[in-house]
Amino acid sequence: MKEITFRQLQYLVAVADHGSMAAAAKACHVSSVAIGQALDDLERFVGARLTTRIRSKGVTLTRTGQLLSDRAHAIVQEVRNLEYVVEEAEERMRGTLRLGTFPTLSSWAVPAVVEEFTTRHPEVNLELVEGDGATLSRGLADGSLDMFLGFRTHVGAEANVIHIRDVRPRVLIAAEHPLGQRESVHLSELRDEPIALLSVYPVFDLLSGVLAKHGLADNIRWRGSNVDVIKNLVGRGLAWTMLVSLGAPATSAEGRPLRNLAIEDELASNAIVACIPAGVPTGPAHQVVINLMRELPFPGALGDPK
């Protein structure tokens, strides 16, 4: 007598997550025929239709299919978690670590972490994914990420959060700005100047709220989802910006020198964190990344030199 297989459940979850046979097949590295056959076998076993398949419109789950896929998702995640349990018990590394990062951390943190990680552990592959807070949290939930580096304000409820260090926003200006030789600044000293602000969620909401509190929200002239574009505008002297993550050396993508200044006003603190899926133990590969992040110099950290 045939039984339900893990692969059938895995394919059902993939179809539920991706909405089409082709996308599910790509995610599972198999053919669409293999996905379809597995679903057919699963439907015959349970004696109920689980999907409605329309060639031009993809795949939708029936009510029974949705209920089964919800349970299957939990089962698939638990099986994946067994890898971490073995990894932790044996103190060994996995073959691949899928690491997500928030854009303002990526440019300075990721290259240093990747270099040191691969030097120490060349047998482990790092797959890098950059995204906003919602994308990173979704990646943990659906199993496409093993961990992500971001800020405390990015974290959803379903995550194991490891604190790395407390941070505060800092001002970024062109080196030739009249305040460019300063170490710190009051936001009121920039009240008459245009602002370029990163529009990635949730950074824009958080920082525009700070600016509004200081009467500067109307000065936001440019918004952009690419941190390098924001830095280029600043480097050309067209605007100033405020970011939480600023690594040294401070230069724009075009090579223009920048200065990052501490903010003397009282602001709420934030924190850089590492997040792994809820219920997953912190394995050796996770811990290496966390330790490397804690070792990096970071001028925006509370208590660090300005």
Protein backbone atom coordinates (compact mmCIF):
# COMPACT_ATOMS: atom_id res chain seq x y z
CA MET A 1 0.00 0.00 0.00
CA LYS A 2 1.37 3.39 -0.97
CA GLU A 3 1.89 6.09 1.67
CA ILE A 4 2.20 9.86 1.60
CA THR A 5 5.80 10.82 0.93
CA PHE A 6 7.75 13.80 2.18
CA ARG A 7 8.45 14.82 -1.40
CA GLN A 8 4.72 15.00 -2.18
CA LEU A 9 4.22 17.31 0.79
CA GLN A 10 7.24 19.37 -0.23
CA TYR A 11 5.85 19.82 -3.75
CA LEU A 12 2.40 20.74 -2.41
CA VAL A 13 3.96 23.43 -0.22
CA ALA A 14 5.96 24.73 -3.18
CA VAL A 15 2.81 25.01 -5.31
CA ALA A 16 1.00 26.79 -2.48
CA ASP A 17 3.90 29.23 -2.01
CA HIS A 18 4.58 29.96 -5.70
CA GLY A 19 1.13 29.70 -7.29
CA SER A 20 2.11 27.75 -10.40
CA MET A 21 3.54 24.38 -11.43
CA ALA A 22 6.40 26.01 -13.32
CA ALA A 23 7.46 28.24 -10.41
CA ALA A 24 7.18 25.35 -7.94
CA ALA A 25 9.25 23.14 -10.25
CA LYS A 26 11.95 25.81 -10.51
CA ALA A 27 12.08 26.23 -6.73
CA CYS A 28 12.37 22.46 -6.23
CA HIS A 29 14.81 21.95 -9.13
CA VAL A 30 12.57 19.39 -10.84
CA SER A 31 10.29 19.35 -13.86
CA SER A 32 6.68 20.52 -13.91
CA VAL A 33 5.74 16.94 -14.86
CA ALA A 34 7.29 15.67 -11.62
CA ILE A 35 5.31 18.21 -9.60
CA GLY A 36 2.07 17.29 -11.36
CA GLN A 37 2.62 13.55 -10.92
CA ALA A 38 3.35 13.97 -7.20
CA LEU A 39 0.16 15.99 -6.70
CA ASP A 40 -1.87 13.42 -8.66
CA ASP A 41 -0.51 10.63 -6.44
CA LEU A 42 -1.24 12.66 -3.31
CA GLU A 43 -4.82 13.38 -4.42
CA ARG A 44 -5.42 9.69 -5.12
CA PHE A 45 -4.09 8.74 -1.70
CA VAL A 46 -6.20 11.24 0.28
CA GLY A 47 -9.23 10.72 -1.97
CA ALA A 48 -9.88 14.43 -2.51
CA ARG A 49 -9.07 17.12 -5.02
CA LEU A 50 -6.37 19.41 -3.64
CA THR A 51 -5.75 21.75 -6.56
CA THR A 52 -7.49 23.41 -9.48
CA ARG A 53 -5.08 23.64 -12.40
CA ILE A 54 -5.77 26.00 -15.28
CA ARG A 55 -2.96 26.20 -17.82
CA SER A 56 -3.18 29.97 -18.39
CA LYS A 57 -3.95 30.89 -14.77
CA GLY A 58 -1.66 28.69 -12.73
CA VAL A 59 -2.74 26.58 -9.77
CA THR A 60 -5.13 27.37 -6.93
CA LEU A 61 -5.71 25.21 -3.87
CA THR A 62 -9.10 23.86 -2.93
CA ARG A 63 -10.24 24.31 0.66
CA THR A 64 -9.00 20.79 1.42
CA GLY A 65 -5.75 21.52 -0.40
CA GLN A 66 -5.20 24.68 1.64
CA LEU A 67 -5.81 22.86 4.94
CA LEU A 68 -3.44 20.08 3.94
CA SER A 69 -0.77 22.50 2.67
CA ASP A 70 -0.85 24.39 5.99
CA ARG A 71 -0.11 21.16 7.85
CA ALA A 72 2.40 20.11 5.22
CA HIS A 73 4.25 23.42 5.58
CA ALA A 74 4.77 22.77 9.29
CA ILE A 75 5.96 19.21 8.58
CA VAL A 76 8.39 20.33 5.87
CA GLN A 77 9.82 23.01 8.16
CA GLU A 78 10.28 20.52 10.99
CA VAL A 79 12.16 18.15 8.68
CA ARG A 80 14.40 21.03 7.57
CA ASN A 81 15.03 21.84 11.22
CA LEU A 82 16.48 18.35 11.75
CA GLU A 83 19.51 19.47 9.73
CA TYR A 84 20.17 22.22 12.27
CA VAL A 85 19.76 19.83 15.21
CA VAL A 86 22.35 17.46 13.73
CA GLU A 87 24.59 20.39 12.80
CA GLU A 88 24.48 21.71 16.35
CA ALA A 89 25.05 18.29 17.93
CA GLU A 90 27.98 17.48 15.64
CA GLU A 91 29.29 21.08 15.59
CA ARG A 92 29.63 20.98 11.82
CA MET A 93 28.68 23.31 9.02
CA ARG A 94 25.95 22.88 6.42
CA GLY A 95 26.83 22.85 2.74
CA THR A 96 24.96 26.11 2.03
CA LEU A 97 23.93 29.02 4.22
CA ARG A 98 21.26 31.24 2.65
CA LEU A 99 21.89 34.65 4.17
CA GLY A 100 19.59 37.65 3.76
CA THR A 101 20.69 41.22 4.44
CA PHE A 102 19.09 44.64 4.61
CA PRO A 103 20.45 47.10 1.99
CA THR A 104 22.07 49.56 4.40
CA LEU A 105 24.01 46.73 6.02
CA SER A 106 24.96 44.99 2.79
CA SER A 107 27.56 47.36 1.35
CA TRP A 108 29.85 47.44 4.39
CA ALA A 109 28.99 44.30 6.37
CA VAL A 110 28.47 41.61 3.74
CA PRO A 111 31.85 41.79 1.91
CA ALA A 112 33.77 41.60 5.19
CA VAL A 113 31.62 38.77 6.55
CA VAL A 114 31.81 36.78 3.30
CA GLU A 115 35.59 37.17 3.05
CA GLU A 116 36.25 36.06 6.61
CA PHE A 117 33.60 33.33 6.58
CA THR A 118 34.85 31.74 3.35
CA THR A 119 38.47 32.00 4.53
CA ARG A 120 37.67 30.12 7.71
CA HIS A 121 35.11 27.73 6.23
CA PRO A 122 35.72 27.26 2.49
CA GLU A 123 33.53 24.14 2.48
CA VAL A 124 30.39 26.22 3.09
CA ASN A 125 28.66 28.16 0.31
CA LEU A 126 27.03 31.48 1.16
CA GLU A 127 23.98 32.41 -0.92
CA LEU A 128 23.21 36.12 -0.50
CA VAL A 129 19.79 37.73 -0.79
CA GLU A 130 19.20 41.45 -0.28
CA GLY A 131 15.74 42.76 0.55
CA ASP A 132 13.58 45.02 2.66
CA GLY A 133 12.24 44.04 6.07
CA ALA A 134 9.10 42.37 4.73
CA THR A 135 11.05 40.33 2.15
CA LEU A 136 13.55 39.11 4.72
CA SER A 137 10.87 38.10 7.23
CA ARG A 138 8.97 36.30 4.48
CA GLY A 139 12.15 34.43 3.52
CA LEU A 140 12.50 33.06 7.05
CA ALA A 141 8.86 32.02 7.12
CA ASP A 142 8.86 30.18 3.78
CA GLY A 143 12.26 28.54 4.28
CA SER A 144 14.05 30.33 1.44
CA LEU A 145 16.44 31.97 3.97
CA ASP A 146 18.38 30.33 6.79
CA MET A 147 19.01 33.64 8.53
CA PHE A 148 19.05 37.37 7.90
CA LEU A 149 20.90 40.41 9.17
CA GLY A 150 18.78 43.47 9.74
CA PHE A 151 17.45 45.80 12.38
CA ARG A 152 15.21 45.11 15.36
CA THR A 153 12.42 47.11 13.74
CA HIS A 154 12.37 44.64 10.77
CA VAL A 155 11.58 41.57 12.81
CA GLY A 156 8.25 39.77 12.65
CA ALA A 157 6.85 37.71 15.49
CA GLU A 158 7.94 34.35 14.06
CA ALA A 159 11.70 34.63 14.42
CA ASN A 160 14.50 33.80 16.80
CA VAL A 161 16.25 37.16 17.28
CA ILE A 162 19.91 37.41 18.33
CA HIS A 163 21.09 40.85 19.40
CA ILE A 164 24.35 42.05 17.82
CA ARG A 165 24.68 45.70 18.90
CA ASP A 166 22.67 48.82 19.63
CA VAL A 167 22.75 51.57 17.03
CA ARG A 168 21.42 55.08 16.37
CA PRO A 169 20.75 57.01 13.17
CA ARG A 170 23.57 59.25 11.95
CA VAL A 171 23.69 62.16 9.52
CA LEU A 172 25.50 61.73 6.20
CA ILE A 173 26.78 64.85 4.42
CA ALA A 174 29.32 65.66 1.72
CA ALA A 175 32.85 66.07 3.06
CA GLU A 176 32.96 69.61 1.61
CA HIS A 177 29.79 70.60 3.46
CA PRO A 178 30.29 73.53 5.90
CA LEU A 179 29.69 71.07 8.76
CA GLY A 180 32.00 68.46 7.24
CA GLN A 181 34.74 68.95 9.84
CA ARG A 182 32.37 68.35 12.75
CA GLU A 183 31.99 65.10 14.68
CA SER A 184 28.34 65.67 15.60
CA VAL A 185 25.40 67.89 14.72
CA HIS A 186 21.95 68.97 15.88
CA LEU A 187 19.28 68.28 13.27
CA SER A 188 18.15 71.89 13.58
CA GLU A 189 21.47 72.97 12.02
CA LEU A 190 20.31 71.35 8.76
CA ARG A 191 16.80 72.76 8.78
CA ASP A 192 17.20 74.79 5.55
CA GLU A 193 18.73 72.03 3.42
CA PRO A 194 17.08 69.38 1.20
CA ILE A 195 17.01 65.75 2.30
CA ALA A 196 17.36 62.54 0.30
CA LEU A 197 15.88 59.57 2.15
CA LEU A 198 15.98 55.83 1.57
CA SER A 199 12.45 54.68 0.74
CA VAL A 200 12.92 51.00 1.67
CA TYR A 201 10.48 49.63 4.26
CA PRO A 202 10.58 50.24 7.19
CA VAL A 203 13.45 52.76 7.06
CA PHE A 204 11.46 55.53 5.41
CA ASP A 205 8.63 55.34 7.95
CA LEU A 206 11.04 55.37 10.88
CA LEU A 207 13.37 58.13 9.70
CA SER A 208 10.65 60.34 8.23
CA GLY A 209 8.99 60.10 11.65
CA VAL A 210 12.18 61.36 13.31
CA LEU A 211 12.40 64.20 10.79
CA ALA A 212 8.76 65.11 11.33
CA LYS A 213 9.34 65.28 15.07
CA HIS A 214 12.08 67.85 14.42
CA GLY A 215 10.04 69.82 11.87
CA LEU A 216 12.10 68.65 8.89
CA ALA A 217 9.77 66.25 7.04
CA ASP A 218 8.86 68.89 4.44
CA ASN A 219 12.54 69.05 3.46
CA ILE A 220 12.48 65.50 2.01
CA ARG A 221 13.09 66.25 -1.65
CA TRP A 222 14.23 62.88 -3.00
CA ARG A 223 13.30 59.32 -2.14
CA GLY A 224 15.06 56.25 -3.54
CA SER A 225 15.21 52.52 -2.91
CA ASN A 226 18.92 52.26 -3.74
CA VAL A 227 21.27 53.39 -0.99
CA ASP A 228 24.04 54.13 -3.51
CA VAL A 229 21.79 56.63 -5.32
CA ILE A 230 21.08 58.36 -2.01
CA LYS A 231 24.81 58.53 -1.23
CA ASN A 232 25.58 59.87 -4.70
CA LEU A 233 23.09 62.70 -4.21
CA VAL A 234 24.73 63.48 -0.88
CA GLY A 235 28.23 63.26 -2.36
CA ARG A 236 27.29 65.82 -5.02
CA GLY A 237 26.14 68.22 -2.31
CA LEU A 238 22.51 68.05 -3.45
CA ALA A 239 21.15 66.86 -0.12
CA TRP A 240 21.95 65.30 3.21
CA THR A 241 20.53 62.07 4.55
CA MET A 242 20.09 60.09 7.71
CA LEU A 243 20.92 56.38 7.88
CA VAL A 244 21.26 53.87 10.66
CA SER A 245 24.07 51.88 9.05
CA LEU A 246 27.24 53.62 7.88
CA GLY A 247 30.46 51.71 7.38
CA ALA A 248 33.91 53.19 6.83
CA PRO A 249 35.30 54.46 4.57
CA ALA A 250 32.50 56.93 3.90
CA THR A 251 32.44 57.53 0.16
CA SER A 252 29.70 57.61 -2.42
CA ALA A 253 29.51 55.01 -5.19
CA GLU A 254 30.97 57.72 -7.46
CA GLY A 255 33.99 58.04 -5.16
CA ARG A 256 33.09 61.38 -3.57
CA PRO A 257 34.09 61.66 0.10
CA LEU A 258 31.32 61.74 2.69
CA ARG A 259 31.18 62.46 6.39
CA ASN A 260 28.90 60.73 8.87
CA LEU A 261 28.11 62.65 12.01
CA ALA A 262 26.63 61.66 15.33
CA ILE A 263 23.27 63.28 16.09
CA GLU A 264 23.26 65.25 19.33
CA ASP A 265 19.48 65.25 19.64
CA GLU A 266 17.81 62.61 21.78
CA LEU A 267 16.68 59.76 19.52
CA ALA A 268 15.26 56.31 20.11
CA SER A 269 17.88 53.58 19.73
CA ASN A 270 17.66 50.62 17.39
CA ALA A 271 19.74 47.46 17.14
CA ILE A 272 21.41 45.30 14.52
CA VAL A 273 20.13 41.76 14.91
CA ALA A 274 20.51 38.35 13.34
CA CYS A 275 17.29 36.40 12.81
CA ILE A 276 16.76 32.71 12.23
CA PRO A 277 13.44 30.85 11.90
CA ALA A 278 11.49 30.36 15.11
CA GLY A 279 12.18 26.97 16.65
CA VAL A 280 15.48 26.52 14.81
CA PRO A 281 18.54 26.15 17.07
CA THR A 282 21.46 28.50 16.49
CA GLY A 283 23.92 26.29 14.61
CA PRO A 284 27.67 26.74 14.10
CA ALA A 285 27.27 28.52 10.73
CA HIS A 286 24.76 30.96 12.23
CA GLN A 287 27.11 31.62 15.14
CA VAL A 288 30.09 32.33 12.89
CA VAL A 289 28.13 35.04 11.06
CA ILE A 290 26.91 36.51 14.35
CA ASN A 291 30.43 36.60 15.79
CA LEU A 292 31.84 38.22 12.65
CA MET A 293 29.15 40.91 12.75
CA ARG A 294 30.01 41.65 16.37
CA GLU A 295 33.68 42.05 15.46
CA LEU A 296 33.13 44.58 12.66
CA PRO A 297 33.92 48.27 13.36
CA PHE A 298 30.73 50.29 13.17
CA PRO A 299 30.60 54.06 13.75
CA GLY A 300 26.86 54.04 14.42
CA ALA A 301 27.04 51.70 17.41
CA LEU A 302 26.18 53.04 20.84
CA GLY A 303 29.35 53.27 22.87
CA ASP A 304 31.64 53.01 19.83
CA PRO A 305 34.01 55.84 18.91
CA LYS A 306 32.34 58.47 16.74
